[in-house]
Structure formats: C-alpha cells, structure tokens
Amino acid sequence: MKIKSSIVIFFTLAILLLSAGCTQAPALPQATTIATGPDTGVPTTRSTAIPTKVIVTTSTPGVVQTLPEEYAVEVQVASNGVSVDPKMITTFRGGRGINFVTQVEVVNTRGDGITENAVKSHPNVGDTIELTSSGGDNDRISVYVTISNGQRYLIFDRVVSFKQRG
C-alpha cells in the first residue's frame, strides 16, 4: 500500500514540476535572419522592435519664489552620503513665518526618471523628510511651502549632488 501511494505522489509531483516550467512568460523576439535568395547568398537581418521605457527629465531648476518677509522660512537639503542606501534629507529650519506654515512638500525628481514626494503638515523646527536618491549628481529637489491663507510657494529648487562619505 505504501509503495502505491509513494508512486502516485512521485508522479503527481513530476507532473506538477513539468507543468511549472511551462508557466514562464514567452521570450521577447530576437533578430530574424532572412535569406534574400539563392542568387546572392547574402543574408539580411531584420530586427524586431522591442518597446523600451523613455525617460524625460527636467534637470533645470525652476524659478524660486520669495516668500513675503512675514512668512519667511528656511529649509536645508543634503544627501546622507551613504551609497548603500542613498537618501536626500530635507530639514525644516523654521524662520519668522513658522506659525503660518501649514504644509511642506518635498519633490525629488531623480536622474533615473522617478519622481517621489512627501508631505509634512504643520512642521516644527528640525523636522526632516527623507526621500530616496538615485545616488548620482542629478537629483532635483523642489520644496513647496503652503501657508495658512492657502498660497503655495516654491522656496527651494536645485539639483543636489550626492557626495559619498570618506
């Protein structure tokens, strides 16, 4: 009885193993060679178009707006310098208008085309926002501040270089 059940289990596992190999995605088509004819004997190659991701980034910083003097605040942006886990750290430094700031938004347009953002409501002095860096010298950091009357200002917009420690 044990031999029969062992054989059935073995064949069932073998069938499952063989069928699992058939579930992979089909390979992308490669270049195809077509003979032009028996007279020339020179083969021609026709390549098949393979879709690719096109990345369009704007690394030119925009126009930074100056906050009215009564709403003035400062931010500091720097990299963590760790190439294993690269981050861009934005620190809210406060200022005369700290009581009027309702929201700070940091947008990182990375050199590899990925845009990442984070929002901090009612920030305090020393609050930080960390976003992933591309690890190169082409991360564009934009910092927007929204004040209590609903107006939104772009107060920081620069390409920040990633410098490794040591």
N, C-alpha and C. Protein backbone atom coordinates (compact mmCIF):
# COMPACT_ATOMS: atom_id res chain seq x y z
N MET A 1 0.81 -1.19 0.00
CA MET A 1 0.00 0.00 0.00
C MET A 1 0.86 1.27 0.00
N LYS A 2 1.97 1.23 0.78
CA LYS A 2 2.85 2.39 0.84
C LYS A 2 3.56 2.61 -0.49
N ILE A 3 3.86 1.54 -1.20
CA ILE A 3 4.55 1.67 -2.49
C ILE A 3 3.63 2.33 -3.50
N LYS A 4 2.35 1.94 -3.54
CA LYS A 4 1.40 2.55 -4.47
C LYS A 4 1.24 4.05 -4.19
N SER A 5 1.08 4.43 -2.94
CA SER A 5 0.91 5.86 -2.62
C SER A 5 2.19 6.63 -2.90
N SER A 6 3.34 6.02 -2.69
CA SER A 6 4.61 6.69 -3.00
C SER A 6 4.74 6.93 -4.49
N ILE A 7 4.34 5.95 -5.30
CA ILE A 7 4.41 6.09 -6.76
C ILE A 7 3.45 7.18 -7.24
N VAL A 8 2.24 7.19 -6.68
CA VAL A 8 1.26 8.21 -7.07
C VAL A 8 1.76 9.60 -6.69
N ILE A 9 2.31 9.74 -5.52
CA ILE A 9 2.85 11.05 -5.08
C ILE A 9 4.01 11.46 -5.98
N PHE A 10 4.90 10.51 -6.32
CA PHE A 10 6.03 10.81 -7.17
C PHE A 10 5.57 11.32 -8.54
N PHE A 11 4.63 10.60 -9.17
CA PHE A 11 4.14 11.01 -10.48
C PHE A 11 3.38 12.34 -10.41
N THR A 12 2.65 12.55 -9.35
CA THR A 12 1.94 13.82 -9.19
C THR A 12 2.93 14.98 -9.08
N LEU A 13 3.96 14.81 -8.29
CA LEU A 13 5.00 15.85 -8.17
C LEU A 13 5.72 16.06 -9.48
N ALA A 14 5.99 14.96 -10.22
CA ALA A 14 6.66 15.08 -11.51
C ALA A 14 5.82 15.87 -12.50
N ILE A 15 4.52 15.61 -12.52
CA ILE A 15 3.62 16.34 -13.42
C ILE A 15 3.55 17.81 -13.03
N LEU A 16 3.47 18.09 -11.74
CA LEU A 16 3.45 19.49 -11.28
C LEU A 16 4.75 20.21 -11.61
N LEU A 17 5.87 19.51 -11.47
CA LEU A 17 7.16 20.10 -11.78
C LEU A 17 7.27 20.41 -13.27
N LEU A 18 6.84 19.52 -14.11
CA LEU A 18 6.89 19.75 -15.55
C LEU A 18 5.95 20.86 -15.98
N SER A 19 4.77 20.91 -15.39
CA SER A 19 3.82 21.97 -15.77
C SER A 19 4.26 23.33 -15.25
N ALA A 20 5.03 23.37 -14.17
CA ALA A 20 5.51 24.65 -13.64
C ALA A 20 6.49 25.31 -14.61
N GLY A 21 7.25 24.51 -15.34
CA GLY A 21 8.19 25.06 -16.31
C GLY A 21 7.49 25.69 -17.50
N CYS A 22 6.25 25.36 -17.73
CA CYS A 22 5.51 25.89 -18.87
C CYS A 22 4.82 27.21 -18.57
N THR A 23 4.94 27.70 -17.36
CA THR A 23 4.20 28.92 -17.00
C THR A 23 5.03 30.18 -17.12
N GLN A 24 6.24 30.11 -17.64
CA GLN A 24 7.07 31.29 -17.80
C GLN A 24 6.56 32.14 -18.95
N ALA A 25 6.84 33.44 -18.87
CA ALA A 25 6.44 34.35 -19.94
C ALA A 25 7.25 34.04 -21.18
N PRO A 26 6.67 34.21 -22.35
CA PRO A 26 7.41 33.93 -23.58
C PRO A 26 8.56 34.91 -23.74
N ALA A 27 9.64 34.45 -24.32
CA ALA A 27 10.81 35.29 -24.54
C ALA A 27 10.50 36.34 -25.61
N LEU A 28 11.16 37.51 -25.49
CA LEU A 28 10.99 38.55 -26.49
C LEU A 28 11.61 38.09 -27.80
N PRO A 29 11.02 38.47 -28.93
CA PRO A 29 11.56 38.03 -30.21
C PRO A 29 12.94 38.62 -30.47
N GLN A 30 13.82 37.80 -31.00
CA GLN A 30 15.16 38.23 -31.33
C GLN A 30 15.20 38.66 -32.80
N ALA A 31 16.36 39.11 -33.23
CA ALA A 31 16.52 39.49 -34.63
C ALA A 31 16.33 38.27 -35.51
N THR A 32 15.68 38.47 -36.67
CA THR A 32 15.37 37.38 -37.57
C THR A 32 16.25 37.50 -38.81
N THR A 33 16.84 36.39 -39.23
CA THR A 33 17.67 36.39 -40.43
C THR A 33 16.86 35.80 -41.57
N ILE A 34 16.81 36.52 -42.68
CA ILE A 34 16.05 36.09 -43.85
C ILE A 34 16.99 36.08 -45.05
N ALA A 35 17.03 34.94 -45.74
CA ALA A 35 17.87 34.85 -46.93
C ALA A 35 17.17 35.60 -48.06
N THR A 36 17.96 36.35 -48.84
CA THR A 36 17.38 37.14 -49.92
C THR A 36 17.10 36.31 -51.15
N GLY A 37 17.77 35.24 -51.33
CA GLY A 37 17.54 34.39 -52.50
C GLY A 37 18.75 33.54 -52.78
N PRO A 38 18.57 32.54 -53.64
CA PRO A 38 19.69 31.65 -53.92
C PRO A 38 20.78 32.32 -54.75
N ASP A 39 20.46 33.38 -55.48
CA ASP A 39 21.43 34.01 -56.36
C ASP A 39 22.48 34.79 -55.58
N THR A 40 22.04 35.61 -54.58
CA THR A 40 23.01 36.47 -53.89
C THR A 40 23.70 35.75 -52.75
N GLY A 41 22.97 34.93 -52.05
CA GLY A 41 23.57 34.19 -50.94
C GLY A 41 23.92 35.07 -49.75
N VAL A 42 23.56 36.35 -49.81
CA VAL A 42 23.88 37.26 -48.70
C VAL A 42 22.63 37.40 -47.83
N PRO A 43 22.73 36.98 -46.57
CA PRO A 43 21.57 37.12 -45.69
C PRO A 43 21.40 38.56 -45.21
N THR A 44 20.17 38.95 -45.03
CA THR A 44 19.88 40.27 -44.46
C THR A 44 19.24 40.07 -43.10
N THR A 45 19.44 41.02 -42.25
CA THR A 45 18.90 40.92 -40.90
C THR A 45 17.82 41.97 -40.70
N ARG A 46 16.69 41.52 -40.19
CA ARG A 46 15.61 42.45 -39.89
C ARG A 46 15.35 42.33 -38.39
N SER A 47 15.48 43.43 -37.66
CA SER A 47 15.29 43.38 -36.21
C SER A 47 13.84 43.73 -35.88
N THR A 48 13.36 43.11 -34.83
CA THR A 48 12.01 43.35 -34.36
C THR A 48 12.05 44.45 -33.31
N ALA A 49 11.12 45.38 -33.39
CA ALA A 49 11.09 46.48 -32.43
C ALA A 49 10.69 45.96 -31.05
N ILE A 50 11.47 46.31 -30.05
CA ILE A 50 11.18 45.94 -28.67
C ILE A 50 10.87 47.23 -27.92
N PRO A 51 9.70 47.32 -27.27
CA PRO A 51 9.35 48.56 -26.58
C PRO A 51 10.31 48.84 -25.43
N THR A 52 10.70 50.09 -25.29
CA THR A 52 11.58 50.50 -24.21
C THR A 52 10.96 51.67 -23.48
N LYS A 53 11.39 51.87 -22.27
CA LYS A 53 10.91 52.98 -21.45
C LYS A 53 11.74 54.21 -21.76
N VAL A 54 11.09 55.28 -22.16
CA VAL A 54 11.78 56.52 -22.45
C VAL A 54 11.65 57.43 -21.24
N ILE A 55 12.78 57.92 -20.76
CA ILE A 55 12.79 58.77 -19.58
C ILE A 55 13.08 60.20 -20.02
N VAL A 56 12.19 61.10 -19.69
CA VAL A 56 12.38 62.51 -19.98
C VAL A 56 12.33 63.25 -18.65
N THR A 57 13.46 63.81 -18.28
CA THR A 57 13.50 64.55 -17.02
C THR A 57 13.93 65.98 -17.27
N THR A 58 13.49 66.83 -16.41
CA THR A 58 13.87 68.23 -16.48
C THR A 58 14.82 68.49 -15.32
N SER A 59 16.08 68.64 -15.62
CA SER A 59 17.03 68.86 -14.55
C SER A 59 17.31 70.33 -14.33
N THR A 60 16.68 71.19 -15.12
CA THR A 60 16.86 72.62 -14.94
C THR A 60 15.91 73.12 -13.88
N PRO A 61 16.44 73.63 -12.78
CA PRO A 61 15.56 74.13 -11.73
C PRO A 61 14.71 75.30 -12.21
N GLY A 62 13.53 75.41 -11.60
CA GLY A 62 12.61 76.47 -11.97
C GLY A 62 12.87 77.74 -11.19
N VAL A 63 11.95 78.66 -11.29
CA VAL A 63 12.06 79.95 -10.62
C VAL A 63 11.59 79.78 -9.17
N VAL A 64 12.47 80.11 -8.24
CA VAL A 64 12.13 80.03 -6.83
C VAL A 64 11.41 81.30 -6.44
N GLN A 65 10.31 81.12 -5.69
CA GLN A 65 9.53 82.27 -5.25
C GLN A 65 10.03 82.76 -3.90
N THR A 66 10.02 84.05 -3.73
CA THR A 66 10.42 84.63 -2.45
C THR A 66 9.18 84.81 -1.61
N LEU A 67 9.22 84.24 -0.43
CA LEU A 67 8.10 84.39 0.50
C LEU A 67 8.05 85.84 1.00
N PRO A 68 6.86 86.36 1.25
CA PRO A 68 6.80 87.66 1.90
C PRO A 68 7.57 87.61 3.23
N GLU A 69 8.14 88.71 3.62
CA GLU A 69 9.02 88.74 4.80
C GLU A 69 8.37 88.16 6.05
N GLU A 70 7.09 88.40 6.24
CA GLU A 70 6.42 87.90 7.45
C GLU A 70 6.19 86.39 7.42
N TYR A 71 6.34 85.76 6.22
CA TYR A 71 6.15 84.32 6.10
C TYR A 71 7.46 83.57 5.86
N ALA A 72 8.59 84.26 5.95
CA ALA A 72 9.89 83.67 5.58
C ALA A 72 10.25 82.48 6.46
N VAL A 73 10.63 81.38 5.80
CA VAL A 73 11.13 80.18 6.47
C VAL A 73 12.30 79.63 5.65
N GLU A 74 13.08 78.75 6.26
CA GLU A 74 14.23 78.18 5.59
C GLU A 74 14.20 76.66 5.66
N VAL A 75 14.78 76.03 4.63
CA VAL A 75 14.96 74.59 4.62
C VAL A 75 16.41 74.31 4.24
N GLN A 76 16.89 73.15 4.66
CA GLN A 76 18.23 72.71 4.31
C GLN A 76 18.11 71.36 3.64
N VAL A 77 18.80 71.18 2.51
CA VAL A 77 18.74 69.93 1.77
C VAL A 77 20.16 69.40 1.60
N ALA A 78 20.34 68.11 1.93
CA ALA A 78 21.65 67.47 1.79
C ALA A 78 21.44 65.97 1.62
N SER A 79 22.46 65.31 1.10
CA SER A 79 22.39 63.85 0.98
C SER A 79 22.95 63.22 2.24
N ASN A 80 22.59 61.95 2.46
CA ASN A 80 23.14 61.25 3.62
C ASN A 80 24.54 60.71 3.35
N GLY A 81 24.97 60.67 2.10
CA GLY A 81 26.31 60.25 1.76
C GLY A 81 26.56 58.76 1.85
N VAL A 82 25.53 57.98 2.05
CA VAL A 82 25.68 56.53 2.17
C VAL A 82 25.26 55.90 0.85
N SER A 83 26.23 55.32 0.13
CA SER A 83 25.92 54.80 -1.20
C SER A 83 25.09 53.52 -1.16
N VAL A 84 25.07 52.82 -0.03
CA VAL A 84 24.27 51.60 0.07
C VAL A 84 22.79 51.94 0.14
N ASP A 85 22.44 53.01 0.84
CA ASP A 85 21.06 53.45 0.99
C ASP A 85 21.00 54.96 0.78
N PRO A 86 21.13 55.42 -0.49
CA PRO A 86 21.21 56.86 -0.73
C PRO A 86 19.88 57.57 -0.46
N LYS A 87 19.96 58.66 0.28
CA LYS A 87 18.77 59.45 0.64
C LYS A 87 19.08 60.93 0.47
N MET A 88 18.06 61.69 0.17
CA MET A 88 18.12 63.15 0.20
C MET A 88 17.30 63.58 1.41
N ILE A 89 17.91 64.32 2.31
CA ILE A 89 17.27 64.71 3.56
C ILE A 89 17.00 66.20 3.53
N THR A 90 15.72 66.56 3.70
CA THR A 90 15.32 67.95 3.78
C THR A 90 14.96 68.25 5.22
N THR A 91 15.59 69.28 5.79
CA THR A 91 15.37 69.65 7.18
C THR A 91 14.69 71.01 7.22
N PHE A 92 13.58 71.10 7.94
CA PHE A 92 12.86 72.36 8.10
C PHE A 92 13.55 73.15 9.21
N ARG A 93 14.04 74.35 8.88
CA ARG A 93 14.79 75.16 9.83
C ARG A 93 13.97 76.26 10.50
N GLY A 94 12.74 76.43 10.06
CA GLY A 94 11.90 77.45 10.69
C GLY A 94 12.20 78.83 10.15
N GLY A 95 11.82 79.83 10.90
CA GLY A 95 12.02 81.22 10.49
C GLY A 95 10.89 82.07 11.03
N ARG A 96 10.84 83.29 10.56
CA ARG A 96 9.85 84.25 11.04
C ARG A 96 8.42 83.77 10.80
N GLY A 97 8.16 83.08 9.72
CA GLY A 97 6.81 82.66 9.37
C GLY A 97 6.45 81.25 9.79
N ILE A 98 7.16 80.70 10.75
CA ILE A 98 6.93 79.31 11.14
C ILE A 98 5.50 79.05 11.59
N ASN A 99 4.87 80.01 12.22
CA ASN A 99 3.49 79.82 12.70
C ASN A 99 2.46 79.86 11.58
N PHE A 100 2.85 80.33 10.41
CA PHE A 100 1.93 80.43 9.28
C PHE A 100 2.02 79.24 8.33
N VAL A 101 3.06 78.42 8.47
CA VAL A 101 3.28 77.29 7.55
C VAL A 101 2.35 76.15 7.94
N THR A 102 1.50 75.73 7.00
CA THR A 102 0.59 74.62 7.26
C THR A 102 1.10 73.32 6.65
N GLN A 103 1.97 73.41 5.63
CA GLN A 103 2.42 72.20 4.95
C GLN A 103 3.73 72.45 4.21
N VAL A 104 4.60 71.46 4.25
CA VAL A 104 5.83 71.46 3.46
C VAL A 104 5.81 70.22 2.59
N GLU A 105 6.01 70.40 1.29
CA GLU A 105 6.07 69.28 0.35
C GLU A 105 7.43 69.25 -0.32
N VAL A 106 8.08 68.09 -0.30
CA VAL A 106 9.37 67.92 -0.94
C VAL A 106 9.19 66.97 -2.11
N VAL A 107 9.68 67.37 -3.30
CA VAL A 107 9.58 66.56 -4.50
C VAL A 107 11.00 66.29 -4.99
N ASN A 108 11.33 65.02 -5.18
CA ASN A 108 12.63 64.62 -5.70
C ASN A 108 12.42 64.05 -7.09
N THR A 109 12.92 64.75 -8.10
CA THR A 109 12.91 64.25 -9.47
C THR A 109 14.30 63.67 -9.70
N ARG A 110 14.37 62.35 -9.62
CA ARG A 110 15.66 61.67 -9.69
C ARG A 110 16.17 61.60 -11.11
N GLY A 111 17.45 61.38 -11.23
CA GLY A 111 18.08 61.29 -12.54
C GLY A 111 17.62 60.10 -13.35
N ASP A 112 17.09 59.06 -12.68
CA ASP A 112 16.62 57.90 -13.41
C ASP A 112 15.17 58.02 -13.82
N GLY A 113 14.57 59.21 -13.67
CA GLY A 113 13.22 59.46 -14.16
C GLY A 113 12.12 59.23 -13.15
N ILE A 114 12.43 58.78 -11.97
CA ILE A 114 11.41 58.52 -10.95
C ILE A 114 11.20 59.79 -10.13
N THR A 115 9.95 60.13 -9.92
CA THR A 115 9.61 61.28 -9.09
C THR A 115 8.97 60.78 -7.81
N GLU A 116 9.47 61.29 -6.70
CA GLU A 116 8.99 60.88 -5.39
C GLU A 116 8.71 62.13 -4.58
N ASN A 117 7.64 62.11 -3.81
CA ASN A 117 7.36 63.28 -2.98
C ASN A 117 6.86 62.86 -1.61
N ALA A 118 6.96 63.79 -0.67
CA ALA A 118 6.49 63.56 0.69
C ALA A 118 5.99 64.88 1.24
N VAL A 119 4.99 64.80 2.12
CA VAL A 119 4.36 66.00 2.67
C VAL A 119 4.43 65.93 4.19
N LYS A 120 4.73 67.05 4.81
CA LYS A 120 4.73 67.17 6.27
C LYS A 120 3.81 68.32 6.63
N SER A 121 2.77 68.02 7.44
CA SER A 121 1.83 69.06 7.86
C SER A 121 2.29 69.69 9.16
N HIS A 122 2.14 70.99 9.27
CA HIS A 122 2.49 71.77 10.45
C HIS A 122 3.86 71.38 10.99
N PRO A 123 4.93 71.62 10.20
CA PRO A 123 6.27 71.19 10.61
C PRO A 123 6.81 72.02 11.77
N ASN A 124 7.67 71.39 12.55
CA ASN A 124 8.38 72.06 13.62
C ASN A 124 9.84 72.21 13.22
N VAL A 125 10.57 73.06 13.91
CA VAL A 125 11.99 73.24 13.63
C VAL A 125 12.71 71.90 13.84
N GLY A 126 13.49 71.50 12.86
CA GLY A 126 14.24 70.26 12.95
C GLY A 126 13.55 69.06 12.32
N ASP A 127 12.29 69.19 11.92
CA ASP A 127 11.60 68.08 11.26
C ASP A 127 12.30 67.79 9.93
N THR A 128 12.40 66.50 9.61
CA THR A 128 13.08 66.11 8.38
C THR A 128 12.15 65.28 7.49
N ILE A 129 12.43 65.33 6.21
CA ILE A 129 11.77 64.49 5.21
C ILE A 129 12.87 63.82 4.42
N GLU A 130 12.85 62.48 4.38
CA GLU A 130 13.85 61.72 3.66
C GLU A 130 13.22 61.09 2.41
N LEU A 131 13.88 61.30 1.28
CA LEU A 131 13.45 60.68 0.02
C LEU A 131 14.63 59.91 -0.57
N THR A 132 14.33 58.86 -1.29
CA THR A 132 15.37 58.04 -1.89
C THR A 132 16.08 58.80 -3.00
N SER A 133 17.39 58.69 -3.03
CA SER A 133 18.22 59.35 -4.03
C SER A 133 18.61 58.36 -5.11
N SER A 134 18.96 58.87 -6.27
CA SER A 134 19.46 57.99 -7.33
C SER A 134 20.92 57.65 -7.10
N GLY A 135 21.57 58.36 -6.19
CA GLY A 135 22.97 58.10 -5.89
C GLY A 135 23.93 58.81 -6.83
N GLY A 136 23.42 59.62 -7.71
CA GLY A 136 24.26 60.37 -8.64
C GLY A 136 24.20 61.85 -8.34
N ASP A 137 24.69 62.65 -9.27
CA ASP A 137 24.69 64.10 -9.09
C ASP A 137 23.56 64.75 -9.85
N ASN A 138 22.42 64.07 -9.94
CA ASN A 138 21.35 64.62 -10.76
C ASN A 138 19.98 64.48 -10.10
N ASP A 139 19.91 64.65 -8.79
CA ASP A 139 18.63 64.66 -8.09
C ASP A 139 18.18 66.10 -7.95
N ARG A 140 17.01 66.39 -8.51
CA ARG A 140 16.47 67.74 -8.43
C ARG A 140 15.46 67.78 -7.28
N ILE A 141 15.75 68.57 -6.28
CA ILE A 141 14.90 68.69 -5.10
C ILE A 141 14.13 70.00 -5.19
N SER A 142 12.80 69.89 -5.06
CA SER A 142 11.93 71.07 -5.04
C SER A 142 11.16 71.04 -3.72
N VAL A 143 11.14 72.18 -3.03
CA VAL A 143 10.44 72.28 -1.75
C VAL A 143 9.35 73.35 -1.88
N TYR A 144 8.12 72.92 -1.61
CA TYR A 144 6.97 73.82 -1.66
C TYR A 144 6.46 74.04 -0.23
N VAL A 145 6.10 75.28 0.06
CA VAL A 145 5.55 75.62 1.37
C VAL A 145 4.15 76.19 1.14
N THR A 146 3.18 75.68 1.90
CA THR A 146 1.83 76.23 1.87
C THR A 146 1.61 76.96 3.18
N ILE A 147 1.14 78.20 3.07
CA ILE A 147 0.92 78.99 4.28
C ILE A 147 -0.58 79.02 4.61
N SER A 148 -0.91 79.60 5.74
CA SER A 148 -2.27 79.50 6.28
C SER A 148 -3.34 80.11 5.39
N ASN A 149 -3.00 81.02 4.51
CA ASN A 149 -4.03 81.58 3.62
C ASN A 149 -4.21 80.75 2.35
N GLY A 150 -3.54 79.60 2.27
CA GLY A 150 -3.71 78.67 1.15
C GLY A 150 -2.74 78.88 0.00
N GLN A 151 -1.91 79.90 0.06
CA GLN A 151 -0.95 80.13 -1.01
C GLN A 151 0.21 79.14 -0.91
N ARG A 152 0.66 78.70 -2.07
CA ARG A 152 1.74 77.72 -2.15
C ARG A 152 2.93 78.37 -2.83
N TYR A 153 4.10 78.24 -2.21
CA TYR A 153 5.32 78.85 -2.73
C TYR A 153 6.39 77.79 -2.96
N LEU A 154 7.12 77.94 -4.06
CA LEU A 154 8.29 77.11 -4.32
C LEU A 154 9.48 77.86 -3.72
N ILE A 155 10.02 77.35 -2.60
CA ILE A 155 11.09 78.08 -1.91
C ILE A 155 12.47 77.50 -2.14
N PHE A 156 12.55 76.28 -2.70
CA PHE A 156 13.84 75.65 -2.96
C PHE A 156 13.69 74.78 -4.19
N ASP A 157 14.60 74.94 -5.17
CA ASP A 157 14.55 74.13 -6.39
C ASP A 157 15.96 74.08 -6.97
N ARG A 158 16.68 73.01 -6.64
CA ARG A 158 18.06 72.87 -7.10
C ARG A 158 18.38 71.42 -7.40
N VAL A 159 19.42 71.25 -8.20
CA VAL A 159 19.98 69.92 -8.40
C VAL A 159 21.00 69.73 -7.29
N VAL A 160 20.78 68.73 -6.45
CA VAL A 160 21.63 68.48 -5.29
C VAL A 160 22.53 67.29 -5.58
N SER A 161 23.81 67.47 -5.41
CA SER A 161 24.75 66.38 -5.69
C SER A 161 24.80 65.42 -4.51
N PHE A 162 25.04 64.16 -4.83
CA PHE A 162 25.18 63.12 -3.83
C PHE A 162 26.66 62.88 -3.62
N LYS A 163 27.16 63.22 -2.44
CA LYS A 163 28.58 63.04 -2.14
C LYS A 163 28.72 61.90 -1.16
N GLN A 164 29.62 60.99 -1.47
CA GLN A 164 29.85 59.86 -0.56
C GLN A 164 30.77 60.29 0.56
N ARG A 165 30.55 59.70 1.73
CA ARG A 165 31.41 59.99 2.88
C ARG A 165 32.75 59.31 2.70
N GLY A 166 33.76 59.92 3.30
CA GLY A 166 35.07 59.27 3.35
C GLY A 166 35.89 59.66 2.22
